[in-house]
Every structure is written in C-alpha cells, then in structure tokens.
Amino acid sequence: MFVHTRVMQILVAGPLRGGTGDDPDLIHANLEAMTSAALELYRRGHMPIVGEWLSLPLIEAAGSERIGDAIYDEIQHPLGQRLLEHSDGCLRIGGESSGADLMVSTTQELGKPVWFDLEAIPAA
C-alpha cells in the first residue's frame, strides 16, 4: 500500500568537526555524508537542508580566520537552530557530535520529530 505524506523540510544533522581533530579532509568527508543523506531525502520527495550549506559561506564572509573561532561559534550552531524553527524535523546521522546533538535537543524542544534512520521517514 502506498502512503503519501506531505513534503517536509528536514534538517540533516551529523558530525562536522566531531572526531576529526579539525582535519580538513575528514571534515569534508563528514559534510559529504550529510549531503548524501540530503540527496536521499530529496529523492524521497522532501526538502532537505544541511545547515553547513548556509553557515560555512556566512562564516567565511564574516571574516572567520579558523574553524572554531569566535565568528564560527557566532554563526555555526545558532544558524542550525534557526533553521529548525522553519523545519518539520531533523534527521540525525553519523557518530559523536555535540553540534548534531544540540540540533536533536533543539528539535525535541520545538516538539518536532527526530529520526535516526532515513528509512523511518515516509516518502512524500
């Protein structure tokens, strides 16, 4: 039986820096993992968003000199939290990440669903 749900905007939250020691190649791999999950959400009919798609260009434009500096901290997680106010839920992927865990707790505080398995999200 086919179940149709409405299109949802879903924030993909996963490690960016977590477990990388700030190695640029590992950070890039983490971003690629979030983007891959977003592609699968898109193919399931939803509107995925990865906070880093917006935060990283803003952080650069604001003059950040290194990952984790004051400018980074001003924008990175607060932007994700703002996105959640306009999202229908959050897909948590990957391993240990205080930032992704913050997105989960923010989503829960907003009374919205958190998924830990992409297959648990119904297709639109």
PDB file of N, CA and C in Angstrom:
ATOM      1  N   MET A   1       0.845  -1.184   0.000  1.00  0.00           N
ATOM      2  CA  MET A   1       0.000   0.000   0.000  1.00  0.00           C
ATOM      3  C   MET A   1       0.885   1.240   0.000  1.00  0.00           C
ATOM      4  N   PHE A   2       0.597   2.197  -0.848  1.00  0.00           N
ATOM      5  CA  PHE A   2       1.360   3.438  -0.948  1.00  0.00           C
ATOM      6  C   PHE A   2       0.807   4.463   0.035  1.00  0.00           C
ATOM      7  N   VAL A   3       1.662   5.000   0.880  1.00  0.00           N
ATOM      8  CA  VAL A   3       1.258   6.037   1.824  1.00  0.00           C
ATOM      9  C   VAL A   3       1.918   7.330   1.383  1.00  0.00           C
ATOM     10  N   HIS A   4       1.104   8.337   1.140  1.00  0.00           N
ATOM     11  CA  HIS A   4       1.635   9.629   0.688  1.00  0.00           C
ATOM     12  C   HIS A   4       1.582  10.620   1.848  1.00  0.00           C
ATOM     13  N   THR A   5       2.692  11.245   2.135  1.00  0.00           N
ATOM     14  CA  THR A   5       2.727  12.299   3.145  1.00  0.00           C
ATOM     15  C   THR A   5       3.069  13.605   2.443  1.00  0.00           C
ATOM     16  N   ARG A   6       2.894  14.681   3.149  1.00  0.00           N
ATOM     17  CA  ARG A   6       3.243  15.967   2.570  1.00  0.00           C
ATOM     18  C   ARG A   6       4.765  16.113   2.524  1.00  0.00           C
ATOM     19  N   VAL A   7       5.215  17.011   1.690  1.00  0.00           N
ATOM     20  CA  VAL A   7       6.643  17.312   1.602  1.00  0.00           C
ATOM     21  C   VAL A   7       7.070  17.995   2.898  1.00  0.00           C
ATOM     22  N   MET A   8       8.133  17.491   3.487  1.00  0.00           N
ATOM     23  CA  MET A   8       8.654  18.080   4.725  1.00  0.00           C
ATOM     24  C   MET A   8      10.030  18.673   4.472  1.00  0.00           C
ATOM     25  N   GLN A   9      10.312  19.778   5.153  1.00  0.00           N
ATOM     26  CA  GLN A   9      11.681  20.286   5.183  1.00  0.00           C
ATOM     27  C   GLN A   9      12.353  19.625   6.376  1.00  0.00           C
ATOM     28  N   ILE A  10      13.448  18.933   6.130  1.00  0.00           N
ATOM     29  CA  ILE A  10      14.126  18.167   7.168  1.00  0.00           C
ATOM     30  C   ILE A  10      15.588  18.582   7.230  1.00  0.00           C
ATOM     31  N   LEU A  11      16.011  18.996   8.418  1.00  0.00           N
ATOM     32  CA  LEU A  11      17.416  19.342   8.639  1.00  0.00           C
ATOM     33  C   LEU A  11      18.211  18.070   8.871  1.00  0.00           C
ATOM     34  N   VAL A  12      19.290  17.913   8.127  1.00  0.00           N
ATOM     35  CA  VAL A  12      20.198  16.781   8.323  1.00  0.00           C
ATOM     36  C   VAL A  12      21.291  17.236   9.283  1.00  0.00           C
ATOM     37  N   ALA A  13      21.389  16.549  10.417  1.00  0.00           N
ATOM     38  CA  ALA A  13      22.384  16.886  11.437  1.00  0.00           C
ATOM     39  C   ALA A  13      23.330  15.711  11.620  1.00  0.00           C
ATOM     40  N   GLY A  14      24.603  15.994  11.511  1.00  0.00           N
ATOM     41  CA  GLY A  14      25.619  14.970  11.714  1.00  0.00           C
ATOM     42  C   GLY A  14      26.916  15.636  12.107  1.00  0.00           C
ATOM     43  N   PRO A  15      27.918  14.842  12.387  1.00  0.00           N
ATOM     44  CA  PRO A  15      29.201  15.426  12.758  1.00  0.00           C
ATOM     45  C   PRO A  15      29.793  16.244  11.607  1.00  0.00           C
ATOM     46  N   LEU A  16      30.361  17.370  11.947  1.00  0.00           N
ATOM     47  CA  LEU A  16      31.173  18.127  11.002  1.00  0.00           C
ATOM     48  C   LEU A  16      32.615  18.032  11.479  1.00  0.00           C
ATOM     49  N   ARG A  17      32.860  18.574  12.654  1.00  0.00           N
ATOM     50  CA  ARG A  17      34.216  18.550  13.220  1.00  0.00           C
ATOM     51  C   ARG A  17      34.438  17.332  14.123  1.00  0.00           C
ATOM     52  N   GLY A  18      33.362  16.795  14.672  1.00  0.00           N
ATOM     53  CA  GLY A  18      33.457  15.706  15.646  1.00  0.00           C
ATOM     54  C   GLY A  18      34.329  14.557  15.169  1.00  0.00           C
ATOM     55  N   GLY A  19      35.306  14.216  15.984  1.00  0.00           N
ATOM     56  CA  GLY A  19      36.175  13.091  15.674  1.00  0.00           C
ATOM     57  C   GLY A  19      37.191  13.342  14.582  1.00  0.00           C
ATOM     58  N   THR A  20      37.326  14.587  14.141  1.00  0.00           N
ATOM     59  CA  THR A  20      38.231  14.877  13.022  1.00  0.00           C
ATOM     60  C   THR A  20      39.559  15.485  13.442  1.00  0.00           C
ATOM     61  N   GLY A  21      39.637  16.009  14.664  1.00  0.00           N
ATOM     62  CA  GLY A  21      40.825  16.771  15.038  1.00  0.00           C
ATOM     63  C   GLY A  21      40.996  17.975  14.128  1.00  0.00           C
ATOM     64  N   ASP A  22      39.881  18.428  13.554  1.00  0.00           N
ATOM     65  CA  ASP A  22      39.842  19.547  12.613  1.00  0.00           C
ATOM     66  C   ASP A  22      40.648  19.297  11.333  1.00  0.00           C
ATOM     67  N   ASP A  23      40.829  18.019  10.976  1.00  0.00           N
ATOM     68  CA  ASP A  23      41.473  17.652   9.714  1.00  0.00           C
ATOM     69  C   ASP A  23      40.518  18.010   8.574  1.00  0.00           C
ATOM     70  N   PRO A  24      40.943  18.884   7.654  1.00  0.00           N
ATOM     71  CA  PRO A  24      40.050  19.330   6.569  1.00  0.00           C
ATOM     72  C   PRO A  24      39.487  18.193   5.721  1.00  0.00           C
ATOM     73  N   ASP A  25      40.275  17.145   5.489  1.00  0.00           N
ATOM     74  CA  ASP A  25      39.786  16.030   4.679  1.00  0.00           C
ATOM     75  C   ASP A  25      38.677  15.270   5.392  1.00  0.00           C
ATOM     76  N   LEU A  26      38.815  15.088   6.700  1.00  0.00           N
ATOM     77  CA  LEU A  26      37.784  14.394   7.470  1.00  0.00           C
ATOM     78  C   LEU A  26      36.529  15.252   7.609  1.00  0.00           C
ATOM     79  N   ILE A  27      36.719  16.555   7.772  1.00  0.00           N
ATOM     80  CA  ILE A  27      35.578  17.468   7.823  1.00  0.00           C
ATOM     81  C   ILE A  27      34.820  17.414   6.501  1.00  0.00           C
ATOM     82  N   HIS A  28      35.546  17.434   5.401  1.00  0.00           N
ATOM     83  CA  HIS A  28      34.922  17.342   4.074  1.00  0.00           C
ATOM     84  C   HIS A  28      34.137  16.039   3.938  1.00  0.00           C
ATOM     85  N   ALA A  29      34.705  14.928   4.420  1.00  0.00           N
ATOM     86  CA  ALA A  29      34.009  13.634   4.349  1.00  0.00           C
ATOM     87  C   ALA A  29      32.718  13.678   5.163  1.00  0.00           C
ATOM     88  N   ASN A  30      32.744  14.336   6.316  1.00  0.00           N
ATOM     89  CA  ASN A  30      31.534  14.453   7.129  1.00  0.00           C
ATOM     90  C   ASN A  30      30.472  15.288   6.415  1.00  0.00           C
ATOM     91  N   LEU A  31      30.893  16.358   5.785  1.00  0.00           N
ATOM     92  CA  LEU A  31      29.949  17.191   5.032  1.00  0.00           C
ATOM     93  C   LEU A  31      29.359  16.406   3.859  1.00  0.00           C
ATOM     94  N   GLU A  32      30.181  15.606   3.207  1.00  0.00           N
ATOM     95  CA  GLU A  32      29.701  14.763   2.110  1.00  0.00           C
ATOM     96  C   GLU A  32      28.675  13.743   2.609  1.00  0.00           C
ATOM     97  N   ALA A  33      28.874  13.205   3.805  1.00  0.00           N
ATOM     98  CA  ALA A  33      27.911  12.245   4.370  1.00  0.00           C
ATOM     99  C   ALA A  33      26.563  12.912   4.603  1.00  0.00           C
ATOM    100  N   MET A  34      26.574  14.158   5.108  1.00  0.00           N
ATOM    101  CA  MET A  34      25.323  14.882   5.314  1.00  0.00           C
ATOM    102  C   MET A  34      24.662  15.195   3.968  1.00  0.00           C
ATOM    103  N   THR A  35      25.461  15.569   2.990  1.00  0.00           N
ATOM    104  CA  THR A  35      24.923  15.874   1.662  1.00  0.00           C
ATOM    105  C   THR A  35      24.329  14.629   1.017  1.00  0.00           C
ATOM    106  N   SER A  36      24.964  13.495   1.197  1.00  0.00           N
ATOM    107  CA  SER A  36      24.446  12.236   0.657  1.00  0.00           C
ATOM    108  C   SER A  36      23.095  11.890   1.282  1.00  0.00           C
ATOM    109  N   ALA A  37      22.975  12.066   2.596  1.00  0.00           N
ATOM    110  CA  ALA A  37      21.691  11.823   3.261  1.00  0.00           C
ATOM    111  C   ALA A  37      20.639  12.800   2.748  1.00  0.00           C
ATOM    112  N   ALA A  38      21.044  14.050   2.514  1.00  0.00           N
ATOM    113  CA  ALA A  38      20.116  15.054   1.991  1.00  0.00           C
ATOM    114  C   ALA A  38      19.625  14.656   0.605  1.00  0.00           C
ATOM    115  N   LEU A  39      20.504  14.115  -0.222  1.00  0.00           N
ATOM    116  CA  LEU A  39      20.108  13.671  -1.550  1.00  0.00           C
ATOM    117  C   LEU A  39      19.056  12.565  -1.457  1.00  0.00           C
ATOM    118  N   GLU A  40      19.257  11.647  -0.543  1.00  0.00           N
ATOM    119  CA  GLU A  40      18.275  10.568  -0.365  1.00  0.00           C
ATOM    120  C   GLU A  40      16.927  11.130   0.097  1.00  0.00           C
ATOM    121  N   LEU A  41      16.945  12.110   1.000  1.00  0.00           N
ATOM    122  CA  LEU A  41      15.702  12.753   1.430  1.00  0.00           C
ATOM    123  C   LEU A  41      15.010  13.423   0.245  1.00  0.00           C
ATOM    124  N   TYR A  42      15.786  14.095  -0.578  1.00  0.00           N
ATOM    125  CA  TYR A  42      15.244  14.756  -1.762  1.00  0.00           C
ATOM    126  C   TYR A  42      14.581  13.727  -2.689  1.00  0.00           C
ATOM    127  N   ARG A  43      15.267  12.632  -2.890  1.00  0.00           N
ATOM    128  CA  ARG A  43      14.730  11.580  -3.764  1.00  0.00           C
ATOM    129  C   ARG A  43      13.477  10.933  -3.188  1.00  0.00           C
ATOM    130  N   ARG A  44      13.292  11.058  -1.889  1.00  0.00           N
ATOM    131  CA  ARG A  44      12.084  10.545  -1.235  1.00  0.00           C
ATOM    132  C   ARG A  44      10.969  11.593  -1.268  1.00  0.00           C
ATOM    133  N   GLY A  45      11.246  12.740  -1.900  1.00  0.00           N
ATOM    134  CA  GLY A  45      10.210  13.743  -2.092  1.00  0.00           C
ATOM    135  C   GLY A  45      10.217  14.895  -1.112  1.00  0.00           C
ATOM    136  N   HIS A  46      11.216  14.962  -0.249  1.00  0.00           N
ATOM    137  CA  HIS A  46      11.263  16.006   0.772  1.00  0.00           C
ATOM    138  C   HIS A  46      12.234  17.127   0.402  1.00  0.00           C
ATOM    139  N   MET A  47      12.216  18.184   1.185  1.00  0.00           N
ATOM    140  CA  MET A  47      13.121  19.322   1.014  1.00  0.00           C
ATOM    141  C   MET A  47      14.184  19.237   2.098  1.00  0.00           C
ATOM    142  N   PRO A  48      15.348  18.694   1.780  1.00  0.00           N
ATOM    143  CA  PRO A  48      16.404  18.573   2.782  1.00  0.00           C
ATOM    144  C   PRO A  48      17.173  19.884   2.930  1.00  0.00           C
ATOM    145  N   ILE A  49      17.734  20.064   4.108  1.00  0.00           N
ATOM    146  CA  ILE A  49      18.624  21.205   4.337  1.00  0.00           C
ATOM    147  C   ILE A  49      19.775  20.735   5.234  1.00  0.00           C
ATOM    148  N   VAL A  50      20.960  21.132   4.867  1.00  0.00           N
ATOM    149  CA  VAL A  50      22.149  20.898   5.687  1.00  0.00           C
ATOM    150  C   VAL A  50      22.603  22.279   6.128  1.00  0.00           C
ATOM    151  N   GLY A  51      22.631  22.513   7.415  1.00  0.00           N
ATOM    152  CA  GLY A  51      22.940  23.842   7.931  1.00  0.00           C
ATOM    153  C   GLY A  51      24.246  24.405   7.406  1.00  0.00           C
ATOM    154  N   GLU A  52      25.219  23.529   7.192  1.00  0.00           N
ATOM    155  CA  GLU A  52      26.529  23.971   6.722  1.00  0.00           C
ATOM    156  C   GLU A  52      26.475  24.555   5.321  1.00  0.00           C
ATOM    157  N   TRP A  53      25.475  24.192   4.538  1.00  0.00           N
ATOM    158  CA  TRP A  53      25.339  24.793   3.209  1.00  0.00           C
ATOM    159  C   TRP A  53      25.167  26.305   3.321  1.00  0.00           C
ATOM    160  N   LEU A  54      24.593  26.748   4.420  1.00  0.00           N
ATOM    161  CA  LEU A  54      24.395  28.181   4.655  1.00  0.00           C
ATOM    162  C   LEU A  54      25.439  28.763   5.599  1.00  0.00           C
ATOM    163  N   SER A  55      25.748  28.030   6.655  1.00  0.00           N
ATOM    164  CA  SER A  55      26.632  28.595   7.680  1.00  0.00           C
ATOM    165  C   SER A  55      28.071  28.780   7.205  1.00  0.00           C
ATOM    166  N   LEU A  56      28.606  27.826   6.473  1.00  0.00           N
ATOM    167  CA  LEU A  56      30.021  27.936   6.091  1.00  0.00           C
ATOM    168  C   LEU A  56      30.307  29.138   5.194  1.00  0.00           C
ATOM    169  N   PRO A  57      29.482  29.433   4.172  1.00  0.00           N
ATOM    170  CA  PRO A  57      29.732  30.660   3.402  1.00  0.00           C
ATOM    171  C   PRO A  57      29.561  31.933   4.243  1.00  0.00           C
ATOM    172  N   LEU A  58      28.593  31.923   5.161  1.00  0.00           N
ATOM    173  CA  LEU A  58      28.417  33.098   6.026  1.00  0.00           C
ATOM    174  C   LEU A  58      29.606  33.288   6.960  1.00  0.00           C
ATOM    175  N   ILE A  59      30.095  32.187   7.503  1.00  0.00           N
ATOM    176  CA  ILE A  59      31.258  32.244   8.398  1.00  0.00           C
ATOM    177  C   ILE A  59      32.460  32.821   7.652  1.00  0.00           C
ATOM    178  N   GLU A  60      32.657  32.366   6.424  1.00  0.00           N
ATOM    179  CA  GLU A  60      33.755  32.884   5.611  1.00  0.00           C
ATOM    180  C   GLU A  60      33.555  34.374   5.321  1.00  0.00           C
ATOM    181  N   ALA A  61      32.333  34.749   4.925  1.00  0.00           N
ATOM    182  CA  ALA A  61      32.047  36.152   4.594  1.00  0.00           C
ATOM    183  C   ALA A  61      32.209  37.068   5.804  1.00  0.00           C
ATOM    184  N   ALA A  62      31.966  36.525   6.992  1.00  0.00           N
ATOM    185  CA  ALA A  62      32.091  37.319   8.215  1.00  0.00           C
ATOM    186  C   ALA A  62      33.540  37.505   8.649  1.00  0.00           C
ATOM    187  N   GLY A  63      34.464  36.817   7.966  1.00  0.00           N
ATOM    188  CA  GLY A  63      35.884  37.020   8.253  1.00  0.00           C
ATOM    189  C   GLY A  63      36.507  36.021   9.204  1.00  0.00           C
ATOM    190  N   SER A  64      35.894  34.866   9.355  1.00  0.00           N
ATOM    191  CA  SER A  64      36.480  33.843  10.224  1.00  0.00           C
ATOM    192  C   SER A  64      37.891  33.503   9.747  1.00  0.00           C
ATOM    193  N   GLU A  65      38.787  33.359  10.705  1.00  0.00           N
ATOM    194  CA  GLU A  65      40.174  33.034  10.376  1.00  0.00           C
ATOM    195  C   GLU A  65      40.501  31.561  10.558  1.00  0.00           C
ATOM    196  N   ARG A  66      39.661  30.861  11.341  1.00  0.00           N
ATOM    197  CA  ARG A  66      39.891  29.425  11.542  1.00  0.00           C
ATOM    198  C   ARG A  66      38.627  28.790  12.087  1.00  0.00           C
ATOM    199  N   ILE A  67      38.478  27.530  11.800  1.00  0.00           N
ATOM    200  CA  ILE A  67      37.332  26.789  12.306  1.00  0.00           C
ATOM    201  C   ILE A  67      37.365  26.804  13.835  1.00  0.00           C
ATOM    202  N   GLY A  68      36.237  27.121  14.429  1.00  0.00           N
ATOM    203  CA  GLY A  68      36.151  27.163  15.883  1.00  0.00           C
ATOM    204  C   GLY A  68      36.457  28.519  16.497  1.00  0.00           C
ATOM    205  N   ASP A  69      36.736  29.547  15.677  1.00  0.00           N
ATOM    206  CA  ASP A  69      36.983  30.865  16.262  1.00  0.00           C
ATOM    207  C   ASP A  69      35.654  31.513  16.663  1.00  0.00           C
ATOM    208  N   ALA A  70      35.706  32.727  17.184  1.00  0.00           N
ATOM    209  CA  ALA A  70      34.512  33.393  17.697  1.00  0.00           C
ATOM    210  C   ALA A  70      33.458  33.596  16.609  1.00  0.00           C
ATOM    211  N   ILE A  71      33.886  33.929  15.407  1.00  0.00           N
ATOM    212  CA  ILE A  71      32.931  34.121  14.299  1.00  0.00           C
ATOM    213  C   ILE A  71      32.251  32.796  13.974  1.00  0.00           C
ATOM    214  N   TYR A  72      33.015  31.734  13.903  1.00  0.00           N
ATOM    215  CA  TYR A  72      32.457  30.400  13.665  1.00  0.00           C
ATOM    216  C   TYR A  72      31.396  30.085  14.715  1.00  0.00           C
ATOM    217  N   ASP A  73      31.738  30.295  15.989  1.00  0.00           N
ATOM    218  CA  ASP A  73      30.810  29.993  17.086  1.00  0.00           C
ATOM    219  C   ASP A  73      29.566  30.879  17.052  1.00  0.00           C
ATOM    220  N   GLU A  74      29.710  32.099  16.576  1.00  0.00           N
ATOM    221  CA  GLU A  74      28.578  33.021  16.485  1.00  0.00           C
ATOM    222  C   GLU A  74      27.541  32.543  15.478  1.00  0.00           C
ATOM    223  N   ILE A  75      27.991  31.847  14.425  1.00  0.00           N
ATOM    224  CA  ILE A  75      27.107  31.511  13.312  1.00  0.00           C
ATOM    225  C   ILE A  75      26.762  30.023  13.238  1.00  0.00           C
ATOM    226  N   GLN A  76      27.725  29.143  13.415  1.00  0.00           N
ATOM    227  CA  GLN A  76      27.548  27.718  13.086  1.00  0.00           C
ATOM    228  C   GLN A  76      26.310  27.084  13.714  1.00  0.00           C
ATOM    229  N   HIS A  77      26.262  26.928  15.000  1.00  0.00           N
ATOM    230  CA  HIS A  77      25.138  26.242  15.624  1.00  0.00           C
ATOM    231  C   HIS A  77      23.893  27.116  15.734  1.00  0.00           C
ATOM    232  N   PRO A  78      24.031  28.409  16.028  1.00  0.00           N
ATOM    233  CA  PRO A  78      22.813  29.236  16.053  1.00  0.00           C
ATOM    234  C   PRO A  78      22.049  29.225  14.732  1.00  0.00           C
ATOM    235  N   LEU A  79      22.759  29.183  13.596  1.00  0.00           N
ATOM    236  CA  LEU A  79      22.072  29.133  12.308  1.00  0.00           C
ATOM    237  C   LEU A  79      21.272  27.841  12.187  1.00  0.00           C
ATOM    238  N   GLY A  80      21.854  26.734  12.591  1.00  0.00           N
ATOM    239  CA  GLY A  80      21.134  25.459  12.550  1.00  0.00           C
ATOM    240  C   GLY A  80      19.892  25.491  13.419  1.00  0.00           C
ATOM    241  N   GLN A  81      20.013  26.094  14.590  1.00  0.00           N
ATOM    242  CA  GLN A  81      18.857  26.193  15.471  1.00  0.00           C
ATOM    243  C   GLN A  81      17.761  27.055  14.847  1.00  0.00           C
ATOM    244  N   ARG A  82      18.136  28.120  14.176  1.00  0.00           N
ATOM    245  CA  ARG A  82      17.139  28.956  13.493  1.00  0.00           C
ATOM    246  C   ARG A  82      16.473  28.186  12.361  1.00  0.00           C
ATOM    247  N   LEU A  83      17.252  27.403  11.626  1.00  0.00           N
ATOM    248  CA  LEU A  83      16.678  26.595  10.552  1.00  0.00           C
ATOM    249  C   LEU A  83      15.634  25.619  11.093  1.00  0.00           C
ATOM    250  N   LEU A  84      15.885  25.089  12.273  1.00  0.00           N
ATOM    251  CA  LEU A  84      14.948  24.132  12.848  1.00  0.00           C
ATOM    252  C   LEU A  84      13.592  24.760  13.140  1.00  0.00           C
ATOM    253  N   GLU A  85      13.573  26.052  13.414  1.00  0.00           N
ATOM    254  CA  GLU A  85      12.302  26.726  13.646  1.00  0.00           C
ATOM    255  C   GLU A  85      11.436  26.695  12.393  1.00  0.00           C
ATOM    256  N   HIS A  86      12.064  26.562  11.233  1.00  0.00           N
ATOM    257  CA  HIS A  86      11.357  26.560   9.946  1.00  0.00           C
ATOM    258  C   HIS A  86      11.319  25.173   9.306  1.00  0.00           C
ATOM    259  N   SER A  87      11.757  24.175  10.036  1.00  0.00           N
ATOM    260  CA  SER A  87      11.802  22.805   9.530  1.00  0.00           C
ATOM    261  C   SER A  87      10.733  21.962  10.209  1.00  0.00           C
ATOM    262  N   ASP A  88      10.441  20.834   9.580  1.00  0.00           N
ATOM    263  CA  ASP A  88       9.437  19.923  10.117  1.00  0.00           C
ATOM    264  C   ASP A  88      10.041  18.851  11.008  1.00  0.00           C
ATOM    265  N   GLY A  89      11.348  18.728  10.992  1.00  0.00           N
ATOM    266  CA  GLY A  89      12.009  17.720  11.805  1.00  0.00           C
ATOM    267  C   GLY A  89      13.485  17.661  11.478  1.00  0.00           C
ATOM    268  N   CYS A  90      14.153  16.678  12.086  1.00  0.00           N
ATOM    269  CA  CYS A  90      15.606  16.550  11.975  1.00  0.00           C
ATOM    270  C   CYS A  90      15.975  15.084  11.770  1.00  0.00           C
ATOM    271  N   LEU A  91      16.866  14.847  10.821  1.00  0.00           N
ATOM    272  CA  LEU A  91      17.454  13.522  10.622  1.00  0.00           C
ATOM    273  C   LEU A  91      18.855  13.566  11.209  1.00  0.00           C
ATOM    274  N   ARG A  92      19.107  12.741  12.224  1.00  0.00           N
ATOM    275  CA  ARG A  92      20.429  12.689  12.879  1.00  0.00           C
ATOM    276  C   ARG A  92      21.198  11.525  12.288  1.00  0.00           C
ATOM    277  N   ILE A  93      22.372  11.816  11.722  1.00  0.00           N
ATOM    278  CA  ILE A  93      23.220  10.771  11.141  1.00  0.00           C
ATOM    279  C   ILE A  93      24.591  10.807  11.801  1.00  0.00           C
ATOM    280  N   GLY A  94      25.372   9.766  11.542  1.00  0.00           N
ATOM    281  CA  GLY A  94      26.780   9.752  11.918  1.00  0.00           C
ATOM    282  C   GLY A  94      27.043   9.500  13.387  1.00  0.00           C
ATOM    283  N   GLY A  95      28.283   9.763  13.742  1.00  0.00           N
ATOM    284  CA  GLY A  95      28.761   9.460  15.078  1.00  0.00           C
ATOM    285  C   GLY A  95      28.697  10.630  16.034  1.00  0.00           C
ATOM    286  N   GLU A  96      29.609  10.613  16.975  1.00  0.00           N
ATOM    287  CA  GLU A  96      29.638  11.583  18.057  1.00  0.00           C
ATOM    288  C   GLU A  96      29.752  13.009  17.524  1.00  0.00           C
ATOM    289  N   SER A  97      28.879  13.875  18.041  1.00  0.00           N
ATOM    290  CA  SER A  97      28.896  15.273  17.625  1.00  0.00           C
ATOM    291  C   SER A  97      28.069  16.094  18.594  1.00  0.00           C
ATOM    292  N   SER A  98      28.722  16.994  19.298  1.00  0.00           N
ATOM    293  CA  SER A  98      27.978  17.854  20.222  1.00  0.00           C
ATOM    294  C   SER A  98      27.052  18.790  19.453  1.00  0.00           C
ATOM    295  N   GLY A  99      27.466  19.252  18.279  1.00  0.00           N
ATOM    296  CA  GLY A  99      26.625  20.129  17.473  1.00  0.00           C
ATOM    297  C   GLY A  99      25.382  19.414  16.962  1.00  0.00           C
ATOM    298  N   ALA A 100      25.547  18.192  16.452  1.00  0.00           N
ATOM    299  CA  ALA A 100      24.393  17.428  15.978  1.00  0.00           C
ATOM    300  C   ALA A 100      23.473  17.084  17.141  1.00  0.00           C
ATOM    301  N   ASP A 101      24.053  16.783  18.294  1.00  0.00           N
ATOM    302  CA  ASP A 101      23.229  16.511  19.474  1.00  0.00           C
ATOM    303  C   ASP A 101      22.450  17.755  19.898  1.00  0.00           C
ATOM    304  N   LEU A 102      23.049  18.929  19.734  1.00  0.00           N
ATOM    305  CA  LEU A 102      22.344  20.179  20.013  1.00  0.00           C
ATOM    306  C   LEU A 102      21.162  20.345  19.065  1.00  0.00           C
ATOM    307  N   MET A 103      21.345  19.971  17.792  1.00  0.00           N
ATOM    308  CA  MET A 103      20.239  20.064  16.839  1.00  0.00           C
ATOM    309  C   MET A 103      19.107  19.114  17.238  1.00  0.00           C
ATOM    310  N   VAL A 104      19.460  17.926  17.729  1.00  0.00           N
ATOM    311  CA  VAL A 104      18.448  16.964  18.189  1.00  0.00           C
ATOM    312  C   VAL A 104      17.684  17.533  19.375  1.00  0.00           C
ATOM    313  N   SER A 105      18.397  18.046  20.364  1.00  0.00           N
ATOM    314  CA  SER A 105      17.697  18.569  21.543  1.00  0.00           C
ATOM    315  C   SER A 105      16.853  19.792  21.200  1.00  0.00           C
ATOM    316  N   THR A 106      17.343  20.634  20.307  1.00  0.00           N
ATOM    317  CA  THR A 106      16.559  21.794  19.870  1.00  0.00           C
ATOM    318  C   THR A 106      15.286  21.341  19.166  1.00  0.00           C
ATOM    319  N   THR A 107      15.409  20.346  18.300  1.00  0.00           N
ATOM    320  CA  THR A 107      14.243  19.816  17.587  1.00  0.00           C
ATOM    321  C   THR A 107      13.213  19.279  18.577  1.00  0.00           C
ATOM    322  N   GLN A 108      13.691  18.545  19.566  1.00  0.00           N
ATOM    323  CA  GLN A 108      12.794  17.991  20.571  1.00  0.00           C
ATOM    324  C   GLN A 108      12.123  19.093  21.390  1.00  0.00           C
ATOM    325  N   GLU A 109      12.884  20.131  21.741  1.00  0.00           N
ATOM    326  CA  GLU A 109      12.312  21.257  22.486  1.00  0.00           C
ATOM    327  C   GLU A 109      11.229  21.960  21.679  1.00  0.00           C
ATOM    328  N   LEU A 110      11.366  21.960  20.360  1.00  0.00           N
ATOM    329  CA  LEU A 110      10.370  22.561  19.480  1.00  0.00           C
ATOM    330  C   LEU A 110       9.172  21.634  19.253  1.00  0.00           C
ATOM    331  N   GLY A 111       9.236  20.424  19.811  1.00  0.00           N
ATOM    332  CA  GLY A 111       8.136  19.475  19.679  1.00  0.00           C
ATOM    333  C   GLY A 111       8.038  18.835  18.305  1.00  0.00           C
ATOM    334  N   LYS A 112       9.165  18.774  17.617  1.00  0.00           N
ATOM    335  CA  LYS A 112       9.192  18.218  16.264  1.00  0.00           C
ATOM    336  C   LYS A 112       9.888  16.864  16.280  1.00  0.00           C
ATOM    337  N   PRO A 113       9.623  16.030  15.276  1.00  0.00           N
ATOM    338  CA  PRO A 113      10.220  14.692  15.268  1.00  0.00           C
ATOM    339  C   PRO A 113      11.704  14.698  14.919  1.00  0.00           C
ATOM    340  N   VAL A 114      12.391  13.728  15.509  1.00  0.00           N
ATOM    341  CA  VAL A 114      13.787  13.444  15.193  1.00  0.00           C
ATOM    342  C   VAL A 114      13.833  12.007  14.697  1.00  0.00           C
ATOM    343  N   TRP A 115      14.473  11.815  13.564  1.00  0.00           N
ATOM    344  CA  TRP A 115      14.657  10.478  13.017  1.00  0.00           C
ATOM    345  C   TRP A 115      16.132  10.126  13.084  1.00  0.00           C
ATOM    346  N   PHE A 116      16.410   8.852  13.365  1.00  0.00           N
ATOM    347  CA  PHE A 116      17.776   8.360  13.404  1.00  0.00           C
ATOM    348  C   PHE A 116      18.033   7.359  12.285  1.00  0.00           C
ATOM    349  N   ASP A 117      17.010   7.151  11.457  1.00  0.00           N
ATOM    350  CA  ASP A 117      17.094   6.230  10.335  1.00  0.00           C
ATOM    351  C   ASP A 117      16.310   6.843   9.181  1.00  0.00           C
ATOM    352  N   LEU A 118      16.972   7.062   8.073  1.00  0.00           N
ATOM    353  CA  LEU A 118      16.318   7.680   6.920  1.00  0.00           C
ATOM    354  C   LEU A 118      15.121   6.855   6.457  1.00  0.00           C
ATOM    355  N   GLU A 119      15.209   5.552   6.577  1.00  0.00           N
ATOM    356  CA  GLU A 119      14.120   4.679   6.134  1.00  0.00           C
ATOM    357  C   GLU A 119      12.861   4.862   6.983  1.00  0.00           C
ATOM    358  N   ALA A 120      12.978   5.432   8.156  1.00  0.00           N
ATOM    359  CA  ALA A 120      11.814   5.672   9.023  1.00  0.00           C
ATOM    360  C   ALA A 120      10.996   6.885   8.588  1.00  0.00           C
ATOM    361  N   ILE A 121      11.539   7.672   7.667  1.00  0.00           N
ATOM    362  CA  ILE A 121      10.855   8.870   7.192  1.00  0.00           C
ATOM    363  C   ILE A 121      10.004   8.477   5.989  1.00  0.00           C
ATOM    364  N   PRO A 122       8.680   8.667   6.098  1.00  0.00           N
ATOM    365  CA  PRO A 122       7.836   8.283   4.964  1.00  0.00           C
ATOM    366  C   PRO A 122       8.122   9.142   3.744  1.00  0.00           C
ATOM    367  N   ALA A 123       8.021   8.530   2.586  1.00  0.00           N
ATOM    368  CA  ALA A 123       8.208   9.272   1.336  1.00  0.00           C
ATOM    369  C   ALA A 123       7.050  10.228   1.127  1.00  0.00           C
ATOM    370  N   ALA A 124       7.331  11.344   0.464  1.00  0.00           N
ATOM    371  CA  ALA A 124       6.266  12.305   0.157  1.00  0.00           C
ATOM    372  C   ALA A 124       5.599  11.926  -1.145  1.00  0.00           C
TER     373      ALA A 124
END
